[in-house]
């Protein structure tokens, strides 16, 4: 689990489906919706180099 450098996203890996997830974090806090969660499939041994999640904010 990790926060983005600008503290706008929380990243975590689901150990069951092995996907990387990004959850948009807002200020003030609010209940997240499905639109606030993005996921990426991990290919090989590396994680995605770019984070399209943040570019879509």
Protein backbone atom coordinates (compact mmCIF):
# COMPACT_ATOMS: atom_id res chain seq x y z
CA UNK A 1 0.00 0.00 0.00
CA UNK A 2 1.31 3.46 -0.86
CA UNK A 3 0.12 7.03 -1.35
CA UNK A 4 0.90 9.06 -4.45
CA UNK A 5 3.39 11.91 -4.04
CA UNK A 6 0.60 14.49 -4.21
CA UNK A 7 -1.57 12.53 -1.70
CA UNK A 8 -4.44 12.25 -4.18
CA UNK A 9 -4.39 8.47 -4.64
CA UNK A 10 -3.94 5.38 -2.50
CA UNK A 11 -2.41 2.41 -4.34
CA UNK A 12 -2.66 -1.22 -3.24
CA UNK A 13 -2.41 -4.72 -4.72
CA UNK A 14 -5.18 -7.27 -4.28
CA UNK A 15 -3.40 -10.53 -3.45
CA UNK A 16 -6.27 -12.66 -4.82
CA UNK A 17 -6.63 -11.16 -8.33
CA UNK A 18 -3.05 -9.73 -8.37
CA UNK A 19 -4.20 -6.37 -9.76
CA UNK A 20 -2.87 -2.96 -8.83
CA UNK A 21 -5.66 -0.64 -7.68
CA UNK A 22 -5.71 3.12 -7.31
CA UNK A 23 -8.28 4.84 -5.14
CA UNK A 24 -8.84 8.58 -5.53
CA UNK A 25 -8.63 10.32 -2.15
CA UNK A 26 -10.41 13.65 -1.79
CA UNK A 27 -10.28 16.45 0.75
CA UNK A 28 -12.55 16.79 2.63
CA UNK A 29 -13.07 13.05 3.03
CA UNK A 30 -16.08 11.46 1.36
CA UNK A 31 -17.36 7.97 0.62
CA UNK A 32 -15.66 6.71 -2.57
CA UNK A 33 -17.71 5.54 -5.54
CA UNK A 34 -16.85 2.99 -8.23
CA UNK A 35 -15.66 5.87 -10.42
CA UNK A 36 -12.98 6.65 -7.83
CA UNK A 37 -11.31 3.23 -8.23
CA UNK A 38 -9.07 2.26 -11.16
CA UNK A 39 -7.24 -1.03 -11.68
CA UNK A 40 -4.37 -2.32 -13.81
CA UNK A 41 -3.34 -5.87 -14.62
CA UNK A 42 0.23 -6.62 -13.70
CA UNK A 43 2.18 -8.13 -16.60
CA UNK A 44 5.38 -10.03 -15.96
CA UNK A 45 7.39 -8.99 -12.93
CA UNK A 46 7.02 -5.24 -13.31
CA UNK A 47 4.28 -2.81 -12.40
CA UNK A 48 2.98 -0.20 -14.87
CA UNK A 49 5.52 2.57 -15.41
CA UNK A 50 2.94 5.32 -15.92
CA UNK A 51 -0.08 5.95 -13.75
CA UNK A 52 -2.99 6.80 -16.07
CA UNK A 53 -5.18 7.11 -12.96
CA UNK A 54 -3.63 10.43 -11.97
CA UNK A 55 -3.66 11.82 -15.50
CA UNK A 56 -7.42 11.29 -15.64
CA UNK A 57 -8.11 13.42 -12.53
